[in-house]
Amino acid sequence: MLAATDPATMKLDEKIAPIDLSTETAVAEWFRALLARGVNFHPKESFAELVNGETGRPLFGAEDAERLDALMGIAYEVCDPCALAVRLVRGTDTDPARPCGDDSPPAMRESEQGSKIDVTLIRSFLRSALGDDAVIDKVNNLIFDAVAGGGYHRTVVAESLPGYINEILNTATEADWQAVADDLLAEGHELLSEGGG
C-alpha cells in the first residue's frame, strides 16, 4: 500500500531537483533555486532534517529528501558545496542573474593618508584578518547562520564583518602595539644578520 503524500511538504521540480549537476555552475544554480524557494539548508546535513517553520513538519517527504541527499552527494563529486554556499552568500560567486554595472569596485583606492591601494590587496587583507584565530569562530558562526539558517541577507553579513576586526583593534593597547613592533624589529634584525648585513 502506498503512503499518502503529505500536502504540506514541498514538491520537487526540475529547478530544486535538477537532472544535471555535472558542473560547479549547475550546482550553484541548484543552490540558488533552493534558496529562492526558502529552503535554508547546509550541504552537510540531510534534507530529511529540514522542517517547515510554520507547521513543524518535515519540509520534504522521505523519498524527495533522499533524492535531494543523492544530488548533494553528486555535488560533492563536482565541487566543495560548503565553500560554494559561502561564496554565494558572500556574493563572491559569479551570479549571472545579478547585472554588472557601475557598482564594480575601482581597481585602486586612495587612503586617508593619500596612498593608492589595490582593491585586491584590501580584500586579501580583510580575508586574512577575518580568518585569524581571534575572530574566525564569530565569522564562521555568522556565515553558517546566513547559509544554513537563511537569517541574514548578504549585505547584513558584509555590514557585520568590520565589527569583528574593529573589536580586536579597539581592544589593543599601546603595550600590544609595542609588543608587535618589538617582534617585527627582532625579525628584521634577524633577517639582516642572516643576510650578512
N, C-alpha and C. Protein backbone atom coordinates (compact mmCIF):
# COMPACT_ATOMS: atom_id res chain seq x y z
N MET A 1 0.84 -1.18 0.00
CA MET A 1 0.00 0.00 0.00
C MET A 1 0.89 1.25 0.00
N LEU A 2 0.58 2.19 -0.86
CA LEU A 2 1.35 3.41 -0.94
C LEU A 2 0.92 4.38 0.15
N ALA A 3 1.90 5.06 0.71
CA ALA A 3 1.60 6.07 1.72
C ALA A 3 1.09 7.31 1.03
N ALA A 4 0.14 7.96 1.63
CA ALA A 4 -0.40 9.20 1.07
C ALA A 4 0.66 10.29 1.16
N THR A 5 0.75 11.09 0.14
CA THR A 5 1.71 12.19 0.13
C THR A 5 1.18 13.30 1.01
N ASP A 6 2.06 13.83 1.86
CA ASP A 6 1.68 14.92 2.75
C ASP A 6 1.57 16.20 1.92
N PRO A 7 0.40 16.81 1.86
CA PRO A 7 0.25 18.03 1.06
C PRO A 7 1.06 19.21 1.60
N ALA A 8 1.52 19.12 2.84
CA ALA A 8 2.28 20.22 3.43
C ALA A 8 3.74 20.19 3.03
N THR A 9 4.22 19.08 2.44
CA THR A 9 5.62 19.01 2.06
C THR A 9 5.85 19.71 0.73
N MET A 10 7.06 20.22 0.56
CA MET A 10 7.41 20.91 -0.67
C MET A 10 7.58 19.88 -1.79
N LYS A 11 7.08 20.20 -2.95
CA LYS A 11 7.17 19.30 -4.10
C LYS A 11 8.42 19.63 -4.91
N LEU A 12 9.06 18.58 -5.41
CA LEU A 12 10.25 18.77 -6.23
C LEU A 12 9.87 19.10 -7.66
N ASP A 13 10.71 19.89 -8.29
CA ASP A 13 10.59 20.15 -9.71
C ASP A 13 12.00 20.20 -10.29
N GLU A 14 12.12 20.50 -11.58
CA GLU A 14 13.44 20.45 -12.23
C GLU A 14 14.40 21.51 -11.70
N LYS A 15 13.90 22.56 -11.06
CA LYS A 15 14.81 23.58 -10.52
C LYS A 15 15.42 23.17 -9.19
N ILE A 16 14.61 22.63 -8.28
CA ILE A 16 15.16 22.25 -6.97
C ILE A 16 15.58 20.78 -6.92
N ALA A 17 15.35 20.06 -8.00
CA ALA A 17 15.85 18.69 -8.14
C ALA A 17 16.31 18.49 -9.58
N PRO A 18 17.39 19.18 -9.96
CA PRO A 18 17.82 19.14 -11.36
C PRO A 18 18.35 17.76 -11.77
N ILE A 19 18.30 17.52 -13.06
CA ILE A 19 18.79 16.25 -13.59
C ILE A 19 20.30 16.28 -13.74
N ASP A 20 20.86 17.44 -14.10
CA ASP A 20 22.29 17.54 -14.38
C ASP A 20 22.99 18.44 -13.36
N LEU A 21 23.91 17.84 -12.63
CA LEU A 21 24.77 18.60 -11.71
C LEU A 21 26.23 18.29 -12.05
N SER A 22 26.58 18.35 -13.32
CA SER A 22 27.91 17.93 -13.74
C SER A 22 28.95 19.04 -13.65
N THR A 23 28.53 20.27 -13.37
CA THR A 23 29.48 21.38 -13.26
C THR A 23 29.21 22.17 -11.98
N GLU A 24 30.20 22.93 -11.56
CA GLU A 24 30.03 23.79 -10.39
C GLU A 24 28.96 24.85 -10.65
N THR A 25 28.87 25.31 -11.89
CA THR A 25 27.84 26.29 -12.24
C THR A 25 26.46 25.70 -12.04
N ALA A 26 26.28 24.44 -12.43
CA ALA A 26 24.99 23.77 -12.25
C ALA A 26 24.66 23.62 -10.76
N VAL A 27 25.67 23.30 -9.96
CA VAL A 27 25.46 23.18 -8.51
C VAL A 27 25.08 24.54 -7.93
N ALA A 28 25.76 25.60 -8.37
CA ALA A 28 25.44 26.96 -7.90
C ALA A 28 24.01 27.34 -8.26
N GLU A 29 23.58 27.01 -9.48
CA GLU A 29 22.20 27.31 -9.89
C GLU A 29 21.21 26.53 -9.03
N TRP A 30 21.54 25.28 -8.70
CA TRP A 30 20.68 24.48 -7.83
C TRP A 30 20.55 25.13 -6.46
N PHE A 31 21.70 25.54 -5.89
CA PHE A 31 21.67 26.19 -4.58
C PHE A 31 20.84 27.46 -4.62
N ARG A 32 21.00 28.26 -5.69
CA ARG A 32 20.22 29.49 -5.81
C ARG A 32 18.72 29.18 -5.88
N ALA A 33 18.36 28.11 -6.61
CA ALA A 33 16.95 27.73 -6.72
C ALA A 33 16.39 27.30 -5.36
N LEU A 34 17.18 26.54 -4.61
CA LEU A 34 16.74 26.13 -3.28
C LEU A 34 16.53 27.35 -2.38
N LEU A 35 17.51 28.24 -2.39
CA LEU A 35 17.42 29.43 -1.54
C LEU A 35 16.25 30.33 -1.97
N ALA A 36 16.02 30.42 -3.28
CA ALA A 36 14.91 31.24 -3.78
C ALA A 36 13.56 30.70 -3.31
N ARG A 37 13.48 29.39 -3.09
CA ARG A 37 12.25 28.77 -2.60
C ARG A 37 12.16 28.79 -1.07
N GLY A 38 13.17 29.38 -0.44
CA GLY A 38 13.14 29.47 1.02
C GLY A 38 13.67 28.23 1.72
N VAL A 39 14.39 27.38 0.97
CA VAL A 39 14.97 26.17 1.56
C VAL A 39 16.33 26.56 2.14
N ASN A 40 16.39 26.70 3.45
CA ASN A 40 17.62 27.07 4.13
C ASN A 40 18.29 25.78 4.59
N PHE A 41 19.34 25.42 3.88
CA PHE A 41 19.98 24.12 4.07
C PHE A 41 21.46 24.29 4.36
N HIS A 42 22.06 23.22 4.84
CA HIS A 42 23.51 23.14 4.97
C HIS A 42 23.93 21.92 4.18
N PRO A 43 24.95 22.04 3.32
CA PRO A 43 25.34 20.92 2.47
C PRO A 43 25.68 19.62 3.21
N LYS A 44 26.11 19.73 4.47
CA LYS A 44 26.49 18.53 5.20
C LYS A 44 25.33 17.87 5.94
N GLU A 45 24.16 18.48 5.90
CA GLU A 45 23.00 17.93 6.62
C GLU A 45 22.00 17.35 5.64
N SER A 46 21.28 16.33 6.08
CA SER A 46 20.28 15.68 5.25
C SER A 46 19.07 16.58 5.06
N PHE A 47 18.50 16.54 3.87
CA PHE A 47 17.28 17.28 3.60
C PHE A 47 16.11 16.72 4.41
N ALA A 48 16.25 15.50 4.88
CA ALA A 48 15.20 14.89 5.72
C ALA A 48 15.08 15.61 7.06
N GLU A 49 16.13 16.33 7.46
CA GLU A 49 16.13 17.03 8.75
C GLU A 49 15.47 18.40 8.67
N LEU A 50 15.22 18.89 7.46
CA LEU A 50 14.64 20.22 7.31
C LEU A 50 13.16 20.21 7.68
N VAL A 51 12.77 21.24 8.41
CA VAL A 51 11.40 21.32 8.93
C VAL A 51 10.75 22.60 8.44
N ASN A 52 9.46 22.51 8.13
CA ASN A 52 8.68 23.68 7.78
C ASN A 52 8.50 24.51 9.05
N GLY A 53 8.98 25.74 9.03
CA GLY A 53 8.93 26.59 10.21
C GLY A 53 7.52 26.90 10.70
N GLU A 54 6.54 26.88 9.80
CA GLU A 54 5.16 27.19 10.18
C GLU A 54 4.43 25.99 10.76
N THR A 55 4.69 24.80 10.18
CA THR A 55 3.93 23.62 10.60
C THR A 55 4.71 22.73 11.56
N GLY A 56 6.04 22.84 11.55
CA GLY A 56 6.86 21.96 12.37
C GLY A 56 7.00 20.56 11.78
N ARG A 57 6.47 20.37 10.58
CA ARG A 57 6.52 19.07 9.92
C ARG A 57 7.71 19.05 8.95
N PRO A 58 8.13 17.86 8.52
CA PRO A 58 9.24 17.80 7.55
C PRO A 58 8.94 18.63 6.31
N LEU A 59 9.97 19.30 5.81
CA LEU A 59 9.81 20.14 4.63
C LEU A 59 9.64 19.29 3.37
N PHE A 60 10.31 18.14 3.33
CA PHE A 60 10.24 17.24 2.19
C PHE A 60 9.77 15.86 2.64
N GLY A 61 9.08 15.16 1.76
CA GLY A 61 8.74 13.77 2.00
C GLY A 61 10.01 12.94 2.01
N ALA A 62 9.94 11.71 2.54
CA ALA A 62 11.12 10.86 2.70
C ALA A 62 11.81 10.59 1.35
N GLU A 63 11.05 10.26 0.32
CA GLU A 63 11.65 9.96 -0.99
C GLU A 63 12.28 11.20 -1.61
N ASP A 64 11.62 12.34 -1.49
CA ASP A 64 12.18 13.57 -2.04
C ASP A 64 13.44 13.98 -1.30
N ALA A 65 13.44 13.84 0.01
CA ALA A 65 14.63 14.17 0.80
C ALA A 65 15.78 13.26 0.40
N GLU A 66 15.48 11.98 0.18
CA GLU A 66 16.51 11.03 -0.24
C GLU A 66 17.08 11.43 -1.61
N ARG A 67 16.20 11.86 -2.50
CA ARG A 67 16.65 12.30 -3.83
C ARG A 67 17.55 13.53 -3.72
N LEU A 68 17.15 14.48 -2.89
CA LEU A 68 17.96 15.68 -2.71
C LEU A 68 19.30 15.35 -2.06
N ASP A 69 19.31 14.42 -1.10
CA ASP A 69 20.57 13.99 -0.49
C ASP A 69 21.49 13.36 -1.53
N ALA A 70 20.91 12.58 -2.44
CA ALA A 70 21.70 11.96 -3.51
C ALA A 70 22.29 13.03 -4.42
N LEU A 71 21.50 14.07 -4.71
CA LEU A 71 22.00 15.18 -5.52
C LEU A 71 23.16 15.89 -4.82
N MET A 72 23.03 16.05 -3.50
CA MET A 72 24.12 16.69 -2.76
C MET A 72 25.38 15.82 -2.83
N GLY A 73 25.20 14.50 -2.79
CA GLY A 73 26.35 13.60 -2.95
C GLY A 73 27.04 13.82 -4.28
N ILE A 74 26.25 14.02 -5.34
CA ILE A 74 26.82 14.31 -6.66
C ILE A 74 27.54 15.66 -6.63
N ALA A 75 26.94 16.62 -5.95
CA ALA A 75 27.56 17.95 -5.85
C ALA A 75 28.94 17.85 -5.21
N TYR A 76 29.10 16.98 -4.21
CA TYR A 76 30.40 16.80 -3.56
C TYR A 76 31.43 16.21 -4.50
N GLU A 77 30.99 15.50 -5.53
CA GLU A 77 31.92 14.95 -6.51
C GLU A 77 32.39 16.03 -7.49
N VAL A 78 31.60 17.10 -7.61
CA VAL A 78 31.88 18.16 -8.57
C VAL A 78 32.69 19.30 -7.95
N CYS A 79 32.37 19.64 -6.70
CA CYS A 79 32.99 20.81 -6.06
C CYS A 79 32.89 20.66 -4.55
N ASP A 80 33.27 21.71 -3.84
CA ASP A 80 33.09 21.78 -2.39
C ASP A 80 31.81 22.57 -2.13
N PRO A 81 30.68 21.88 -1.90
CA PRO A 81 29.42 22.59 -1.73
C PRO A 81 29.41 23.59 -0.58
N CYS A 82 30.13 23.30 0.50
CA CYS A 82 30.16 24.25 1.63
C CYS A 82 30.82 25.56 1.20
N ALA A 83 31.96 25.45 0.54
CA ALA A 83 32.66 26.66 0.07
C ALA A 83 31.81 27.41 -0.95
N LEU A 84 31.16 26.67 -1.82
CA LEU A 84 30.29 27.29 -2.82
C LEU A 84 29.14 28.04 -2.15
N ALA A 85 28.52 27.43 -1.16
CA ALA A 85 27.42 28.08 -0.45
C ALA A 85 27.88 29.37 0.22
N VAL A 86 29.06 29.32 0.83
CA VAL A 86 29.59 30.52 1.48
C VAL A 86 29.85 31.61 0.44
N ARG A 87 30.42 31.23 -0.71
CA ARG A 87 30.66 32.23 -1.77
C ARG A 87 29.35 32.83 -2.26
N LEU A 88 28.33 32.02 -2.38
CA LEU A 88 27.03 32.54 -2.82
C LEU A 88 26.49 33.55 -1.81
N VAL A 89 26.59 33.23 -0.54
CA VAL A 89 26.09 34.14 0.50
C VAL A 89 26.93 35.41 0.55
N ARG A 90 28.22 35.26 0.41
CA ARG A 90 29.10 36.44 0.44
C ARG A 90 29.00 37.26 -0.83
N GLY A 91 28.42 36.67 -1.87
CA GLY A 91 28.30 37.37 -3.12
C GLY A 91 29.58 37.40 -3.92
N THR A 92 30.53 36.49 -3.61
CA THR A 92 31.79 36.45 -4.35
C THR A 92 31.75 35.43 -5.45
N ASP A 93 30.65 34.71 -5.60
CA ASP A 93 30.49 33.76 -6.69
C ASP A 93 29.78 34.49 -7.82
N THR A 94 30.18 34.27 -9.04
CA THR A 94 29.56 34.93 -10.18
C THR A 94 28.09 34.60 -10.22
N ASP A 95 27.28 35.61 -10.28
CA ASP A 95 25.84 35.44 -10.30
C ASP A 95 25.31 36.02 -11.61
N PRO A 96 24.96 35.13 -12.58
CA PRO A 96 24.51 35.65 -13.86
C PRO A 96 23.22 36.45 -13.75
N ALA A 97 22.45 36.24 -12.70
CA ALA A 97 21.19 36.97 -12.54
C ALA A 97 21.43 38.39 -12.05
N ARG A 98 22.61 38.64 -11.49
CA ARG A 98 22.91 39.96 -10.96
C ARG A 98 23.66 40.76 -12.00
N PRO A 99 23.10 41.85 -12.47
CA PRO A 99 23.76 42.62 -13.52
C PRO A 99 25.03 43.27 -13.02
N CYS A 100 26.01 43.30 -13.88
CA CYS A 100 27.24 44.01 -13.56
C CYS A 100 27.06 45.43 -14.07
N GLY A 101 27.36 46.39 -13.25
CA GLY A 101 27.15 47.77 -13.66
C GLY A 101 28.21 48.67 -13.12
N ASP A 102 27.82 49.88 -12.88
CA ASP A 102 28.76 50.88 -12.40
C ASP A 102 29.19 50.66 -10.96
N ASP A 103 28.54 49.69 -10.27
CA ASP A 103 28.90 49.47 -8.88
C ASP A 103 30.14 48.58 -8.74
N SER A 104 30.80 48.25 -9.85
CA SER A 104 32.03 47.46 -9.78
C SER A 104 33.08 48.28 -9.05
N PRO A 105 33.82 47.65 -8.14
CA PRO A 105 34.81 48.41 -7.38
C PRO A 105 35.96 48.87 -8.27
N PRO A 106 36.49 50.03 -7.97
CA PRO A 106 37.64 50.50 -8.75
C PRO A 106 38.86 49.64 -8.46
N ALA A 107 39.80 49.63 -9.38
CA ALA A 107 41.00 48.82 -9.23
C ALA A 107 41.88 49.34 -8.10
N MET A 108 41.84 50.65 -7.86
CA MET A 108 42.68 51.25 -6.82
C MET A 108 41.81 52.15 -5.93
N ARG A 109 42.18 52.21 -4.67
CA ARG A 109 41.51 53.12 -3.75
C ARG A 109 42.57 54.00 -3.11
N GLU A 110 42.15 55.20 -2.71
CA GLU A 110 43.08 56.11 -2.06
C GLU A 110 42.76 56.15 -0.57
N SER A 111 43.80 55.99 0.25
CA SER A 111 43.62 56.02 1.70
C SER A 111 43.56 57.47 2.18
N GLU A 112 43.20 57.65 3.44
CA GLU A 112 43.17 59.00 4.02
C GLU A 112 44.54 59.64 4.01
N GLN A 113 45.60 58.80 4.02
CA GLN A 113 46.97 59.30 4.01
C GLN A 113 47.47 59.57 2.59
N GLY A 114 46.61 59.29 1.58
CA GLY A 114 46.98 59.56 0.20
C GLY A 114 47.62 58.40 -0.53
N SER A 115 47.77 57.25 0.13
CA SER A 115 48.34 56.08 -0.53
C SER A 115 47.33 55.47 -1.48
N LYS A 116 47.82 54.95 -2.60
CA LYS A 116 46.99 54.20 -3.55
C LYS A 116 47.12 52.73 -3.20
N ILE A 117 45.98 52.07 -2.96
CA ILE A 117 46.00 50.66 -2.56
C ILE A 117 45.11 49.86 -3.50
N ASP A 118 45.67 48.79 -4.03
CA ASP A 118 44.93 47.90 -4.93
C ASP A 118 43.78 47.24 -4.17
N VAL A 119 42.60 47.22 -4.78
CA VAL A 119 41.41 46.65 -4.15
C VAL A 119 41.63 45.17 -3.82
N THR A 120 42.35 44.47 -4.69
CA THR A 120 42.63 43.05 -4.44
C THR A 120 43.42 42.88 -3.15
N LEU A 121 44.37 43.78 -2.90
CA LEU A 121 45.16 43.72 -1.66
C LEU A 121 44.30 44.04 -0.45
N ILE A 122 43.40 44.99 -0.60
CA ILE A 122 42.50 45.34 0.52
C ILE A 122 41.66 44.13 0.89
N ARG A 123 41.06 43.50 -0.12
CA ARG A 123 40.19 42.35 0.15
C ARG A 123 40.98 41.16 0.70
N SER A 124 42.19 40.97 0.20
CA SER A 124 43.03 39.90 0.70
C SER A 124 43.38 40.13 2.18
N PHE A 125 43.70 41.38 2.51
CA PHE A 125 44.00 41.73 3.91
C PHE A 125 42.79 41.44 4.81
N LEU A 126 41.61 41.87 4.35
CA LEU A 126 40.40 41.66 5.15
C LEU A 126 40.11 40.18 5.34
N ARG A 127 40.25 39.39 4.26
CA ARG A 127 40.03 37.94 4.37
C ARG A 127 41.01 37.32 5.35
N SER A 128 42.26 37.77 5.27
CA SER A 128 43.29 37.25 6.17
C SER A 128 42.96 37.60 7.63
N ALA A 129 42.58 38.85 7.86
CA ALA A 129 42.23 39.28 9.23
C ALA A 129 41.01 38.52 9.75
N LEU A 130 40.01 38.32 8.88
CA LEU A 130 38.80 37.61 9.31
C LEU A 130 39.04 36.11 9.50
N GLY A 131 40.15 35.61 8.97
CA GLY A 131 40.50 34.21 9.14
C GLY A 131 41.38 33.96 10.35
N ASP A 132 41.74 35.02 11.07
CA ASP A 132 42.60 34.88 12.24
C ASP A 132 41.86 34.20 13.38
N ASP A 133 42.62 33.47 14.21
CA ASP A 133 42.04 32.75 15.35
C ASP A 133 41.22 33.66 16.27
N ALA A 134 41.57 34.93 16.33
CA ALA A 134 40.87 35.86 17.25
C ALA A 134 39.42 36.08 16.86
N VAL A 135 39.08 35.91 15.57
CA VAL A 135 37.72 36.21 15.12
C VAL A 135 37.06 35.10 14.30
N ILE A 136 37.81 34.08 13.91
CA ILE A 136 37.29 33.10 12.96
C ILE A 136 36.03 32.39 13.45
N ASP A 137 35.92 32.11 14.74
CA ASP A 137 34.72 31.43 15.24
C ASP A 137 33.47 32.30 15.04
N LYS A 138 33.60 33.59 15.33
CA LYS A 138 32.46 34.50 15.15
C LYS A 138 32.10 34.63 13.67
N VAL A 139 33.12 34.71 12.82
CA VAL A 139 32.88 34.82 11.38
C VAL A 139 32.19 33.56 10.87
N ASN A 140 32.71 32.39 11.26
CA ASN A 140 32.11 31.13 10.81
C ASN A 140 30.68 30.99 11.29
N ASN A 141 30.40 31.41 12.51
CA ASN A 141 29.02 31.34 13.01
C ASN A 141 28.09 32.25 12.20
N LEU A 142 28.56 33.44 11.88
CA LEU A 142 27.77 34.36 11.07
C LEU A 142 27.47 33.76 9.70
N ILE A 143 28.50 33.21 9.05
CA ILE A 143 28.33 32.64 7.72
C ILE A 143 27.42 31.43 7.79
N PHE A 144 27.61 30.58 8.80
CA PHE A 144 26.75 29.40 8.93
C PHE A 144 25.30 29.82 9.12
N ASP A 145 25.06 30.80 9.98
CA ASP A 145 23.68 31.27 10.21
C ASP A 145 23.08 31.84 8.93
N ALA A 146 23.89 32.52 8.15
CA ALA A 146 23.39 33.11 6.90
C ALA A 146 23.10 32.03 5.86
N VAL A 147 23.98 31.03 5.77
CA VAL A 147 23.81 29.99 4.75
C VAL A 147 22.77 28.96 5.17
N ALA A 148 22.94 28.41 6.35
CA ALA A 148 22.05 27.33 6.79
C ALA A 148 20.73 27.85 7.32
N GLY A 149 20.78 28.95 8.03
CA GLY A 149 19.55 29.47 8.63
C GLY A 149 18.83 30.47 7.76
N GLY A 150 19.52 30.99 6.77
CA GLY A 150 18.90 31.99 5.90
C GLY A 150 18.51 33.24 6.65
N GLY A 151 19.15 33.44 7.81
CA GLY A 151 18.75 34.54 8.67
C GLY A 151 19.26 35.89 8.24
N TYR A 152 20.25 35.94 7.38
CA TYR A 152 20.85 37.22 7.04
C TYR A 152 21.00 37.38 5.53
N HIS A 153 20.70 38.56 5.05
CA HIS A 153 20.96 38.91 3.66
C HIS A 153 22.46 39.15 3.53
N ARG A 154 23.01 39.00 2.34
CA ARG A 154 24.45 39.16 2.12
C ARG A 154 24.94 40.54 2.54
N THR A 155 24.10 41.57 2.44
CA THR A 155 24.53 42.91 2.85
C THR A 155 24.64 43.01 4.37
N VAL A 156 23.80 42.28 5.08
CA VAL A 156 23.88 42.25 6.55
C VAL A 156 25.17 41.56 6.97
N VAL A 157 25.52 40.48 6.27
CA VAL A 157 26.78 39.79 6.55
C VAL A 157 27.95 40.75 6.34
N ALA A 158 27.93 41.45 5.20
CA ALA A 158 29.01 42.39 4.89
C ALA A 158 29.12 43.50 5.94
N GLU A 159 27.97 44.01 6.41
CA GLU A 159 27.99 45.07 7.41
C GLU A 159 28.45 44.58 8.78
N SER A 160 28.31 43.29 9.03
CA SER A 160 28.70 42.72 10.33
C SER A 160 30.20 42.47 10.44
N LEU A 161 30.85 42.19 9.32
CA LEU A 161 32.26 41.78 9.34
C LEU A 161 33.22 42.82 9.91
N PRO A 162 33.10 44.12 9.59
CA PRO A 162 34.07 45.07 10.15
C PRO A 162 34.09 45.09 11.67
N GLY A 163 32.95 44.83 12.29
CA GLY A 163 32.88 44.84 13.74
C GLY A 163 33.80 43.83 14.39
N TYR A 164 34.00 42.69 13.72
CA TYR A 164 34.88 41.66 14.29
C TYR A 164 36.32 42.11 14.31
N ILE A 165 36.75 42.79 13.22
CA ILE A 165 38.12 43.31 13.18
C ILE A 165 38.26 44.50 14.12
N ASN A 166 37.27 45.40 14.10
CA ASN A 166 37.34 46.60 14.95
C ASN A 166 37.36 46.24 16.43
N GLU A 167 36.65 45.18 16.81
CA GLU A 167 36.64 44.78 18.22
C GLU A 167 38.06 44.48 18.69
N ILE A 168 38.83 43.79 17.85
CA ILE A 168 40.21 43.46 18.21
C ILE A 168 41.07 44.72 18.20
N LEU A 169 40.94 45.53 17.14
CA LEU A 169 41.75 46.75 17.06
C LEU A 169 41.45 47.70 18.21
N ASN A 170 40.18 47.84 18.56
CA ASN A 170 39.81 48.76 19.64
C ASN A 170 40.22 48.24 21.02
N THR A 171 40.46 46.95 21.13
CA THR A 171 40.87 46.36 22.40
C THR A 171 42.38 46.44 22.58
N ALA A 172 43.10 46.55 21.48
CA ALA A 172 44.56 46.60 21.55
C ALA A 172 45.02 47.87 22.26
N THR A 173 46.00 47.69 23.13
CA THR A 173 46.55 48.82 23.89
C THR A 173 47.88 49.24 23.28
N GLU A 174 48.42 50.32 23.79
CA GLU A 174 49.74 50.77 23.35
C GLU A 174 50.78 49.69 23.60
N ALA A 175 50.63 48.96 24.70
CA ALA A 175 51.57 47.88 25.02
C ALA A 175 51.49 46.76 23.97
N ASP A 176 50.28 46.46 23.48
CA ASP A 176 50.14 45.44 22.44
C ASP A 176 50.85 45.87 21.16
N TRP A 177 50.63 47.14 20.76
CA TRP A 177 51.29 47.64 19.55
C TRP A 177 52.81 47.65 19.72
N GLN A 178 53.29 47.98 20.93
CA GLN A 178 54.74 47.98 21.17
C GLN A 178 55.29 46.56 21.09
N ALA A 179 54.55 45.58 21.63
CA ALA A 179 54.99 44.18 21.57
C ALA A 179 55.07 43.71 20.12
N VAL A 180 54.08 44.10 19.30
CA VAL A 180 54.10 43.73 17.88
C VAL A 180 55.28 44.41 17.19
N ALA A 181 55.50 45.68 17.47
CA ALA A 181 56.62 46.41 16.88
C ALA A 181 57.95 45.75 17.26
N ASP A 182 58.09 45.38 18.54
CA ASP A 182 59.32 44.74 19.00
C ASP A 182 59.55 43.41 18.29
N ASP A 183 58.48 42.62 18.10
CA ASP A 183 58.60 41.34 17.38
C ASP A 183 59.04 41.57 15.94
N LEU A 184 58.44 42.55 15.28
CA LEU A 184 58.79 42.83 13.89
C LEU A 184 60.23 43.34 13.77
N LEU A 185 60.63 44.19 14.72
CA LEU A 185 62.01 44.68 14.71
C LEU A 185 63.00 43.55 14.94
N ALA A 186 62.66 42.63 15.85
CA ALA A 186 63.54 41.49 16.12
C ALA A 186 63.67 40.62 14.86
N GLU A 187 62.56 40.41 14.17
CA GLU A 187 62.60 39.63 12.93
C GLU A 187 63.47 40.34 11.89
N GLY A 188 63.33 41.67 11.81
CA GLY A 188 64.13 42.44 10.87
C GLY A 188 65.62 42.33 11.16
N HIS A 189 65.99 42.42 12.44
CA HIS A 189 67.40 42.30 12.85
C HIS A 189 67.91 40.90 12.52
N GLU A 190 67.08 39.89 12.75
CA GLU A 190 67.48 38.51 12.48
C GLU A 190 67.71 38.31 10.98
N LEU A 191 66.81 38.84 10.16
CA LEU A 191 66.98 38.72 8.71
C LEU A 191 68.21 39.45 8.23
N LEU A 192 68.46 40.62 8.81
CA LEU A 192 69.62 41.40 8.43
C LEU A 192 70.92 40.68 8.79
N SER A 193 70.95 40.05 9.98
CA SER A 193 72.15 39.33 10.40
C SER A 193 72.35 38.06 9.58
N GLU A 194 71.27 37.41 9.14
CA GLU A 194 71.38 36.23 8.30
C GLU A 194 71.90 36.60 6.92
N GLY A 195 71.53 37.80 6.47
CA GLY A 195 71.96 38.26 5.14
C GLY A 195 73.38 38.80 5.14
N GLY A 196 74.03 38.82 6.28
CA GLY A 196 75.41 39.28 6.36
C GLY A 196 75.54 40.78 6.44
N GLY A 197 74.46 41.45 6.81
CA GLY A 197 74.48 42.91 6.83
C GLY A 197 74.75 43.49 8.14
